[in-house]
Structure formats: structure tokens, C-alpha cells
Amino acid sequence: MNNLGLVLALFGAAFAVIFAGMGSAKGVGLAGQAAAGLLTEEPSMFGKVLILQLLPGTQGLYGFLIAIMVLVSVNVLGGAPVELTWKQGLYYLAACLPIAIAGYFSAVHQGKVAAAGVNLLAKQKDQLGKAITMASLVEFYAILPFLISLLAILSIK
């Protein structure tokens, strides 16, 4: 039980990567399905729909960055891990939950908005800016939990 703090911190890092990554995979998949449908009719739209498909992938990157921050903070990547109390480990775990949970849901919803944007482009090819703007608004609700997770990790003594 003297490693419980480290185990909790590592669970936090894993949750950040797993849940934000799952949300991004689902969101990118949703947008990609819509994009593939459009591309069967309009192959020249590839560049435009690729932008929309990429947007939900950022939450997975945010979760990955938070996990790296935890691994660096507890020195797992640098050699001998630091000894953490269970309270410190729990704090790392809690610090990772905002991006893990909000990252999952915002990526899925951003994927749905991006898919709707692809459908918009199918009917009005000059509306890419509006489609990106709508999908980007969802991104804001991934950036906030990313910042909260980052600030929480940086504040752990």
C-alpha cells in the first residue's frame, strides 16, 4: 500500500488518455463517415472535409498532454518515481478527471457538429467558415477542462 499514491496518479493519467481519446476517436469517426459520404459525390471537397474531421481529435491530444504532465510530475518517465501519499495520488487523479470526462463528451458532440457541417457543405460548398465556426465553439468546452486539469497538476506540491 505504500505505492497507492503513485497508482492513483497513474490511474488519473490513464483516464485522461483513455476517455479523451475514446471521445476523439468517436468524434473523428462520426465526422469521417459524413465526409466519406460527401466525397463519393464530390472528391474535390477532400481538403475542406478533412479540416472538419480533424477538429474532434484535439480532445485526445489534450488528454495525452495531461497524462504526460502527470508522468513527468511523478517522475515515471525520468527514472525513479517519486513517493506520493494517497492524498497526493488522489489529487492527481482528481486533476485528470476534468479533461477525461469533458474531453470525452465534447469530442463526441464536436464530431456530431462537424458531421452536420459536412452535410452543410454538401448543399452549400461555400459555407466552410460557418461549419468550422460551429464545430470550433464546442472546442471551447474542451479547452476549459484542459486548463483546469493543467493548473491543478501544476499546483500539486
N, C-alpha and C. Protein backbone atom coordinates (compact mmCIF):
# COMPACT_ATOMS: atom_id res chain seq x y z
N MET A 1 0.80 -1.21 0.00
CA MET A 1 0.00 0.00 0.00
C MET A 1 0.84 1.27 0.00
N ASN A 2 2.15 1.15 0.11
CA ASN A 2 2.97 2.35 0.12
C ASN A 2 3.12 2.94 -1.29
N ASN A 3 2.59 2.27 -2.32
CA ASN A 3 2.59 2.80 -3.68
C ASN A 3 1.22 3.30 -4.11
N LEU A 4 0.28 3.35 -3.20
CA LEU A 4 -1.09 3.72 -3.54
C LEU A 4 -1.17 5.11 -4.18
N GLY A 5 -0.41 6.05 -3.68
CA GLY A 5 -0.42 7.40 -4.25
C GLY A 5 0.00 7.40 -5.71
N LEU A 6 1.06 6.67 -6.01
CA LEU A 6 1.55 6.59 -7.38
C LEU A 6 0.53 5.88 -8.27
N VAL A 7 -0.06 4.82 -7.75
CA VAL A 7 -1.07 4.09 -8.53
C VAL A 7 -2.25 4.99 -8.86
N LEU A 8 -2.72 5.77 -7.89
CA LEU A 8 -3.83 6.69 -8.15
C LEU A 8 -3.46 7.74 -9.19
N ALA A 9 -2.25 8.27 -9.10
CA ALA A 9 -1.79 9.26 -10.08
C ALA A 9 -1.75 8.65 -11.48
N LEU A 10 -1.26 7.41 -11.58
CA LEU A 10 -1.19 6.75 -12.87
C LEU A 10 -2.58 6.43 -13.42
N PHE A 11 -3.51 6.09 -12.54
CA PHE A 11 -4.90 5.91 -12.98
C PHE A 11 -5.44 7.21 -13.56
N GLY A 12 -5.13 8.33 -12.92
CA GLY A 12 -5.56 9.62 -13.44
C GLY A 12 -5.02 9.87 -14.84
N ALA A 13 -3.72 9.61 -15.03
CA ALA A 13 -3.12 9.78 -16.35
C ALA A 13 -3.79 8.86 -17.37
N ALA A 14 -4.04 7.63 -16.97
CA ALA A 14 -4.69 6.68 -17.88
C ALA A 14 -6.10 7.14 -18.23
N PHE A 15 -6.85 7.62 -17.25
CA PHE A 15 -8.21 8.10 -17.53
C PHE A 15 -8.19 9.26 -18.51
N ALA A 16 -7.25 10.18 -18.33
CA ALA A 16 -7.16 11.34 -19.23
C ALA A 16 -6.95 10.89 -20.67
N VAL A 17 -6.05 9.95 -20.87
CA VAL A 17 -5.75 9.47 -22.23
C VAL A 17 -6.90 8.62 -22.77
N ILE A 18 -7.39 7.71 -21.96
CA ILE A 18 -8.40 6.76 -22.44
C ILE A 18 -9.71 7.46 -22.80
N PHE A 19 -10.26 8.23 -21.88
CA PHE A 19 -11.59 8.81 -22.13
C PHE A 19 -11.54 9.93 -23.16
N ALA A 20 -10.57 10.82 -23.07
CA ALA A 20 -10.47 11.88 -24.08
C ALA A 20 -10.16 11.26 -25.45
N GLY A 21 -9.34 10.23 -25.45
CA GLY A 21 -9.02 9.54 -26.71
C GLY A 21 -10.21 8.80 -27.30
N MET A 22 -11.00 8.16 -26.44
CA MET A 22 -12.20 7.47 -26.93
C MET A 22 -13.18 8.47 -27.53
N GLY A 23 -13.34 9.61 -26.87
CA GLY A 23 -14.24 10.63 -27.39
C GLY A 23 -13.75 11.16 -28.73
N SER A 24 -12.45 11.39 -28.84
CA SER A 24 -11.89 11.87 -30.11
C SER A 24 -12.06 10.83 -31.21
N ALA A 25 -11.81 9.58 -30.89
CA ALA A 25 -11.96 8.54 -31.89
C ALA A 25 -13.41 8.48 -32.38
N LYS A 26 -14.34 8.59 -31.46
CA LYS A 26 -15.75 8.55 -31.86
C LYS A 26 -16.12 9.80 -32.67
N GLY A 27 -15.68 10.96 -32.21
CA GLY A 27 -15.99 12.21 -32.91
C GLY A 27 -15.39 12.27 -34.30
N VAL A 28 -14.12 11.88 -34.41
CA VAL A 28 -13.46 11.86 -35.71
C VAL A 28 -14.15 10.84 -36.63
N GLY A 29 -14.57 9.73 -36.04
CA GLY A 29 -15.29 8.71 -36.82
C GLY A 29 -16.62 9.21 -37.34
N LEU A 30 -17.37 9.92 -36.50
CA LEU A 30 -18.66 10.46 -36.93
C LEU A 30 -18.48 11.45 -38.08
N ALA A 31 -17.53 12.36 -37.93
CA ALA A 31 -17.27 13.33 -38.98
C ALA A 31 -16.74 12.64 -40.24
N GLY A 32 -15.92 11.63 -40.05
CA GLY A 32 -15.35 10.90 -41.18
C GLY A 32 -16.40 10.15 -41.98
N GLN A 33 -17.38 9.60 -41.29
CA GLN A 33 -18.46 8.91 -42.00
C GLN A 33 -19.24 9.88 -42.89
N ALA A 34 -19.54 11.05 -42.33
CA ALA A 34 -20.24 12.06 -43.12
C ALA A 34 -19.36 12.52 -44.28
N ALA A 35 -18.07 12.72 -44.00
CA ALA A 35 -17.14 13.17 -45.04
C ALA A 35 -17.04 12.14 -46.17
N ALA A 36 -16.97 10.88 -45.83
CA ALA A 36 -16.87 9.83 -46.85
C ALA A 36 -18.10 9.84 -47.74
N GLY A 37 -19.26 10.09 -47.15
CA GLY A 37 -20.48 10.17 -47.95
C GLY A 37 -20.41 11.31 -48.95
N LEU A 38 -19.96 12.46 -48.51
CA LEU A 38 -19.84 13.61 -49.41
C LEU A 38 -18.79 13.36 -50.48
N LEU A 39 -17.68 12.75 -50.11
CA LEU A 39 -16.59 12.54 -51.05
C LEU A 39 -16.93 11.55 -52.17
N THR A 40 -17.92 10.69 -51.94
CA THR A 40 -18.34 9.79 -53.02
C THR A 40 -18.94 10.59 -54.18
N GLU A 41 -19.53 11.73 -53.86
CA GLU A 41 -20.14 12.59 -54.87
C GLU A 41 -19.21 13.73 -55.30
N GLU A 42 -18.42 14.24 -54.36
CA GLU A 42 -17.57 15.41 -54.61
C GLU A 42 -16.15 15.17 -54.09
N PRO A 43 -15.33 14.41 -54.78
CA PRO A 43 -13.96 14.13 -54.30
C PRO A 43 -13.11 15.39 -54.13
N SER A 44 -13.43 16.45 -54.82
CA SER A 44 -12.66 17.69 -54.72
C SER A 44 -12.84 18.39 -53.38
N MET A 45 -13.79 17.95 -52.58
CA MET A 45 -14.06 18.57 -51.27
C MET A 45 -13.19 17.99 -50.16
N PHE A 46 -12.24 17.12 -50.52
CA PHE A 46 -11.44 16.43 -49.51
C PHE A 46 -10.78 17.37 -48.52
N GLY A 47 -10.11 18.39 -48.98
CA GLY A 47 -9.41 19.32 -48.09
C GLY A 47 -10.35 19.99 -47.10
N LYS A 48 -11.51 20.37 -47.56
CA LYS A 48 -12.47 21.04 -46.69
C LYS A 48 -13.02 20.10 -45.61
N VAL A 49 -13.40 18.89 -46.02
CA VAL A 49 -13.98 17.98 -45.04
C VAL A 49 -12.92 17.42 -44.10
N LEU A 50 -11.67 17.38 -44.56
CA LEU A 50 -10.60 16.90 -43.68
C LEU A 50 -10.44 17.82 -42.47
N ILE A 51 -10.55 19.11 -42.70
CA ILE A 51 -10.47 20.08 -41.59
C ILE A 51 -11.56 19.78 -40.57
N LEU A 52 -12.76 19.56 -41.04
CA LEU A 52 -13.87 19.27 -40.12
C LEU A 52 -13.67 17.94 -39.40
N GLN A 53 -13.11 16.97 -40.09
CA GLN A 53 -12.89 15.68 -39.45
C GLN A 53 -11.80 15.75 -38.39
N LEU A 54 -10.81 16.60 -38.58
CA LEU A 54 -9.71 16.71 -37.63
C LEU A 54 -10.11 17.38 -36.31
N LEU A 55 -11.07 18.27 -36.35
CA LEU A 55 -11.39 19.07 -35.15
C LEU A 55 -11.69 18.24 -33.90
N PRO A 56 -12.49 17.17 -33.96
CA PRO A 56 -12.74 16.41 -32.73
C PRO A 56 -11.54 15.64 -32.19
N GLY A 57 -10.46 15.61 -32.93
CA GLY A 57 -9.26 14.90 -32.49
C GLY A 57 -8.46 15.65 -31.44
N THR A 58 -8.74 16.93 -31.27
CA THR A 58 -7.93 17.71 -30.34
C THR A 58 -8.12 17.29 -28.88
N GLN A 59 -9.30 16.84 -28.52
CA GLN A 59 -9.52 16.44 -27.14
C GLN A 59 -8.63 15.27 -26.75
N GLY A 60 -8.41 14.36 -27.67
CA GLY A 60 -7.47 13.27 -27.40
C GLY A 60 -6.07 13.78 -27.16
N LEU A 61 -5.68 14.81 -27.90
CA LEU A 61 -4.37 15.43 -27.68
C LEU A 61 -4.30 16.10 -26.31
N TYR A 62 -5.38 16.75 -25.90
CA TYR A 62 -5.40 17.39 -24.59
C TYR A 62 -5.25 16.34 -23.48
N GLY A 63 -5.95 15.23 -23.61
CA GLY A 63 -5.82 14.15 -22.62
C GLY A 63 -4.41 13.58 -22.60
N PHE A 64 -3.82 13.44 -23.77
CA PHE A 64 -2.44 12.95 -23.88
C PHE A 64 -1.47 13.91 -23.19
N LEU A 65 -1.64 15.21 -23.42
CA LEU A 65 -0.75 16.19 -22.78
C LEU A 65 -0.88 16.17 -21.26
N ILE A 66 -2.10 16.03 -20.76
CA ILE A 66 -2.30 15.96 -19.31
C ILE A 66 -1.63 14.71 -18.75
N ALA A 67 -1.78 13.60 -19.45
CA ALA A 67 -1.13 12.36 -18.99
C ALA A 67 0.39 12.52 -18.96
N ILE A 68 0.95 13.14 -19.97
CA ILE A 68 2.40 13.38 -20.00
C ILE A 68 2.80 14.26 -18.82
N MET A 69 2.00 15.29 -18.54
CA MET A 69 2.29 16.17 -17.40
C MET A 69 2.33 15.37 -16.09
N VAL A 70 1.40 14.47 -15.92
CA VAL A 70 1.37 13.64 -14.70
C VAL A 70 2.60 12.74 -14.66
N LEU A 71 2.89 12.07 -15.77
CA LEU A 71 4.04 11.15 -15.80
C LEU A 71 5.35 11.88 -15.53
N VAL A 72 5.48 13.09 -16.04
CA VAL A 72 6.68 13.88 -15.77
C VAL A 72 6.70 14.33 -14.31
N SER A 73 5.54 14.77 -13.80
CA SER A 73 5.46 15.26 -12.42
C SER A 73 5.82 14.19 -11.39
N VAL A 74 5.42 12.95 -11.65
CA VAL A 74 5.71 11.88 -10.70
C VAL A 74 6.99 11.13 -11.07
N ASN A 75 7.68 11.63 -12.08
CA ASN A 75 8.99 11.13 -12.49
C ASN A 75 8.95 9.69 -13.01
N VAL A 76 7.84 9.26 -13.55
CA VAL A 76 7.77 7.93 -14.13
C VAL A 76 8.61 7.85 -15.39
N LEU A 77 8.66 8.94 -16.14
CA LEU A 77 9.43 8.96 -17.37
C LEU A 77 10.91 9.24 -17.14
N GLY A 78 11.24 9.73 -15.96
CA GLY A 78 12.61 10.16 -15.72
C GLY A 78 13.43 9.24 -14.85
N GLY A 79 12.93 8.10 -14.50
CA GLY A 79 13.72 7.19 -13.66
C GLY A 79 12.91 6.69 -12.49
N ALA A 80 13.38 6.98 -11.28
CA ALA A 80 12.71 6.50 -10.08
C ALA A 80 11.51 7.40 -9.76
N PRO A 81 10.31 6.84 -9.75
CA PRO A 81 9.12 7.65 -9.43
C PRO A 81 9.20 8.22 -8.01
N VAL A 82 8.61 9.38 -7.84
CA VAL A 82 8.58 9.99 -6.52
C VAL A 82 7.59 9.23 -5.64
N GLU A 83 7.79 9.33 -4.34
CA GLU A 83 6.84 8.72 -3.42
C GLU A 83 5.71 9.71 -3.17
N LEU A 84 4.50 9.22 -3.35
CA LEU A 84 3.31 10.06 -3.16
C LEU A 84 2.46 9.47 -2.04
N THR A 85 1.89 10.35 -1.25
CA THR A 85 0.89 9.88 -0.29
C THR A 85 -0.37 9.55 -1.07
N TRP A 86 -1.27 8.83 -0.45
CA TRP A 86 -2.52 8.51 -1.13
C TRP A 86 -3.31 9.78 -1.41
N LYS A 87 -3.17 10.80 -0.57
CA LYS A 87 -3.87 12.06 -0.80
C LYS A 87 -3.32 12.78 -2.03
N GLN A 88 -2.00 12.78 -2.18
CA GLN A 88 -1.40 13.39 -3.37
C GLN A 88 -1.82 12.63 -4.63
N GLY A 89 -1.82 11.31 -4.55
CA GLY A 89 -2.25 10.49 -5.68
C GLY A 89 -3.69 10.75 -6.05
N LEU A 90 -4.53 10.89 -5.03
CA LEU A 90 -5.94 11.19 -5.26
C LEU A 90 -6.10 12.56 -5.90
N TYR A 91 -5.25 13.49 -5.52
CA TYR A 91 -5.30 14.83 -6.10
C TYR A 91 -4.93 14.76 -7.59
N TYR A 92 -3.91 13.99 -7.94
CA TYR A 92 -3.56 13.81 -9.36
C TYR A 92 -4.73 13.18 -10.11
N LEU A 93 -5.32 12.17 -9.52
CA LEU A 93 -6.47 11.52 -10.16
C LEU A 93 -7.59 12.53 -10.39
N ALA A 94 -7.91 13.30 -9.37
CA ALA A 94 -8.98 14.30 -9.48
C ALA A 94 -8.62 15.37 -10.51
N ALA A 95 -7.35 15.73 -10.58
CA ALA A 95 -6.91 16.74 -11.54
C ALA A 95 -7.08 16.27 -12.98
N CYS A 96 -7.02 14.99 -13.21
CA CYS A 96 -7.15 14.44 -14.56
C CYS A 96 -8.61 14.26 -14.99
N LEU A 97 -9.52 14.23 -14.06
CA LEU A 97 -10.91 13.95 -14.40
C LEU A 97 -11.58 15.01 -15.27
N PRO A 98 -11.30 16.32 -15.10
CA PRO A 98 -11.98 17.28 -15.98
C PRO A 98 -11.73 17.02 -17.47
N ILE A 99 -10.49 16.81 -17.86
CA ILE A 99 -10.24 16.58 -19.29
C ILE A 99 -10.69 15.19 -19.69
N ALA A 100 -10.63 14.23 -18.79
CA ALA A 100 -11.09 12.88 -19.14
C ALA A 100 -12.58 12.88 -19.46
N ILE A 101 -13.37 13.46 -18.57
CA ILE A 101 -14.83 13.42 -18.73
C ILE A 101 -15.31 14.44 -19.77
N ALA A 102 -14.94 15.69 -19.59
CA ALA A 102 -15.40 16.72 -20.53
C ALA A 102 -14.78 16.51 -21.90
N GLY A 103 -13.55 16.02 -21.94
CA GLY A 103 -12.91 15.74 -23.22
C GLY A 103 -13.66 14.69 -24.01
N TYR A 104 -14.14 13.65 -23.32
CA TYR A 104 -14.92 12.61 -24.00
C TYR A 104 -16.19 13.21 -24.61
N PHE A 105 -16.96 13.88 -23.79
CA PHE A 105 -18.25 14.37 -24.26
C PHE A 105 -18.11 15.49 -25.29
N SER A 106 -17.16 16.38 -25.10
CA SER A 106 -17.02 17.46 -26.09
C SER A 106 -16.54 16.93 -27.43
N ALA A 107 -15.69 15.92 -27.42
CA ALA A 107 -15.22 15.34 -28.69
C ALA A 107 -16.36 14.68 -29.45
N VAL A 108 -17.20 13.94 -28.73
CA VAL A 108 -18.34 13.29 -29.39
C VAL A 108 -19.28 14.34 -29.97
N HIS A 109 -19.59 15.35 -29.19
CA HIS A 109 -20.51 16.37 -29.68
C HIS A 109 -19.88 17.21 -30.79
N GLN A 110 -18.59 17.46 -30.69
CA GLN A 110 -17.92 18.18 -31.76
C GLN A 110 -17.94 17.36 -33.05
N GLY A 111 -17.81 16.06 -32.92
CA GLY A 111 -17.91 15.19 -34.09
C GLY A 111 -19.27 15.27 -34.74
N LYS A 112 -20.31 15.35 -33.93
CA LYS A 112 -21.67 15.48 -34.47
C LYS A 112 -21.86 16.82 -35.18
N VAL A 113 -21.33 17.88 -34.58
CA VAL A 113 -21.43 19.21 -35.21
C VAL A 113 -20.60 19.23 -36.49
N ALA A 114 -19.42 18.62 -36.46
CA ALA A 114 -18.58 18.57 -37.66
C ALA A 114 -19.28 17.77 -38.77
N ALA A 115 -19.95 16.67 -38.40
CA ALA A 115 -20.71 15.89 -39.40
C ALA A 115 -21.83 16.72 -39.99
N ALA A 116 -22.50 17.50 -39.15
CA ALA A 116 -23.53 18.40 -39.66
C ALA A 116 -22.92 19.45 -40.59
N GLY A 117 -21.71 19.89 -40.27
CA GLY A 117 -21.00 20.83 -41.13
C GLY A 117 -20.68 20.22 -42.48
N VAL A 118 -20.32 18.96 -42.49
CA VAL A 118 -20.08 18.26 -43.76
C VAL A 118 -21.38 18.23 -44.57
N ASN A 119 -22.50 17.97 -43.91
CA ASN A 119 -23.79 17.96 -44.60
C ASN A 119 -24.11 19.35 -45.16
N LEU A 120 -23.76 20.38 -44.41
CA LEU A 120 -23.93 21.75 -44.89
C LEU A 120 -23.12 21.97 -46.16
N LEU A 121 -21.87 21.51 -46.16
CA LEU A 121 -21.01 21.66 -47.34
C LEU A 121 -21.54 20.89 -48.54
N ALA A 122 -22.24 19.80 -48.29
CA ALA A 122 -22.81 19.02 -49.40
C ALA A 122 -23.84 19.84 -50.17
N LYS A 123 -24.51 20.72 -49.46
CA LYS A 123 -25.56 21.53 -50.09
C LYS A 123 -25.06 22.91 -50.49
N GLN A 124 -24.12 23.47 -49.70
CA GLN A 124 -23.61 24.82 -49.96
C GLN A 124 -22.10 24.81 -49.79
N LYS A 125 -21.40 24.62 -50.87
CA LYS A 125 -19.95 24.42 -50.84
C LYS A 125 -19.14 25.61 -50.31
N ASP A 126 -19.74 26.77 -50.27
CA ASP A 126 -19.02 27.98 -49.83
C ASP A 126 -19.20 28.28 -48.34
N GLN A 127 -19.70 27.35 -47.59
CA GLN A 127 -20.01 27.59 -46.17
C GLN A 127 -19.03 26.94 -45.20
N LEU A 128 -17.81 26.68 -45.64
CA LEU A 128 -16.81 26.04 -44.77
C LEU A 128 -16.54 26.85 -43.52
N GLY A 129 -16.43 28.15 -43.65
CA GLY A 129 -16.16 29.00 -42.49
C GLY A 129 -17.21 28.86 -41.41
N LYS A 130 -18.45 28.81 -41.81
CA LYS A 130 -19.55 28.64 -40.84
C LYS A 130 -19.50 27.26 -40.20
N ALA A 131 -19.21 26.25 -41.00
CA ALA A 131 -19.13 24.89 -40.47
C ALA A 131 -18.00 24.76 -39.45
N ILE A 132 -16.85 25.35 -39.76
CA ILE A 132 -15.71 25.30 -38.84
C ILE A 132 -16.03 26.09 -37.57
N THR A 133 -16.66 27.25 -37.72
CA THR A 133 -17.00 28.07 -36.55
C THR A 133 -17.92 27.32 -35.61
N MET A 134 -18.94 26.68 -36.16
CA MET A 134 -19.87 25.93 -35.30
C MET A 134 -19.16 24.79 -34.56
N ALA A 135 -18.32 24.06 -35.26
CA ALA A 135 -17.60 22.96 -34.61
C ALA A 135 -16.58 23.48 -33.61
N SER A 136 -15.98 24.62 -33.91
CA SER A 136 -14.98 25.20 -33.01
C SER A 136 -15.58 25.70 -31.71
N LEU A 137 -16.82 26.09 -31.73
CA LEU A 137 -17.47 26.55 -30.50
C LEU A 137 -17.52 25.43 -29.45
N VAL A 138 -17.68 24.22 -29.91
CA VAL A 138 -17.69 23.08 -28.98
C VAL A 138 -16.29 22.89 -28.38
N GLU A 139 -15.27 23.22 -29.14
CA GLU A 139 -13.88 23.09 -28.69
C GLU A 139 -13.62 23.88 -27.41
N PHE A 140 -14.27 25.02 -27.30
CA PHE A 140 -14.10 25.87 -26.12
C PHE A 140 -14.36 25.08 -24.84
N TYR A 141 -15.32 24.17 -24.89
CA TYR A 141 -15.68 23.39 -23.71
C TYR A 141 -14.77 22.18 -23.51
N ALA A 142 -13.76 22.05 -24.33
CA ALA A 142 -12.67 21.11 -24.08
C ALA A 142 -11.46 21.87 -23.57
N ILE A 143 -11.30 23.10 -24.02
CA ILE A 143 -10.15 23.91 -23.59
C ILE A 143 -10.26 24.26 -22.11
N LEU A 144 -11.45 24.58 -21.65
CA LEU A 144 -11.63 24.92 -20.23
C LEU A 144 -11.23 23.78 -19.29
N PRO A 145 -11.75 22.57 -19.47
CA PRO A 145 -11.30 21.48 -18.58
C PRO A 145 -9.83 21.13 -18.75
N PHE A 146 -9.31 21.29 -19.97
CA PHE A 146 -7.87 21.08 -20.16
C PHE A 146 -7.08 22.04 -19.28
N LEU A 147 -7.46 23.30 -19.28
CA LEU A 147 -6.76 24.29 -18.46
C LEU A 147 -6.91 24.00 -16.97
N ILE A 148 -8.10 23.58 -16.56
CA ILE A 148 -8.32 23.24 -15.15
C ILE A 148 -7.43 22.06 -14.75
N SER A 149 -7.40 21.02 -15.58
CA SER A 149 -6.53 19.87 -15.29
C SER A 149 -5.07 20.29 -15.24
N LEU A 150 -4.66 21.10 -16.20
CA LEU A 150 -3.27 21.55 -16.24
C LEU A 150 -2.91 22.37 -15.00
N LEU A 151 -3.75 23.33 -14.65
CA LEU A 151 -3.48 24.16 -13.48
C LEU A 151 -3.48 23.33 -12.19
N ALA A 152 -4.38 22.38 -12.10
CA ALA A 152 -4.43 21.53 -10.90
C ALA A 152 -3.15 20.71 -10.78
N ILE A 153 -2.67 20.16 -11.88
CA ILE A 153 -1.44 19.36 -11.84
C ILE A 153 -0.24 20.24 -11.47
N LEU A 154 -0.19 21.42 -12.04
CA LEU A 154 0.92 22.31 -11.75
C LEU A 154 0.92 22.80 -10.30
N SER A 155 -0.24 22.77 -9.65
CA SER A 155 -0.32 23.26 -8.28
C SER A 155 -0.02 22.19 -7.23
N ILE A 156 0.14 20.95 -7.65
CA ILE A 156 0.41 19.86 -6.70
C ILE A 156 1.83 20.00 -6.19
N LYS A 157 1.99 19.98 -4.87
CA LYS A 157 3.30 20.11 -4.25
C LYS A 157 3.90 18.74 -4.01
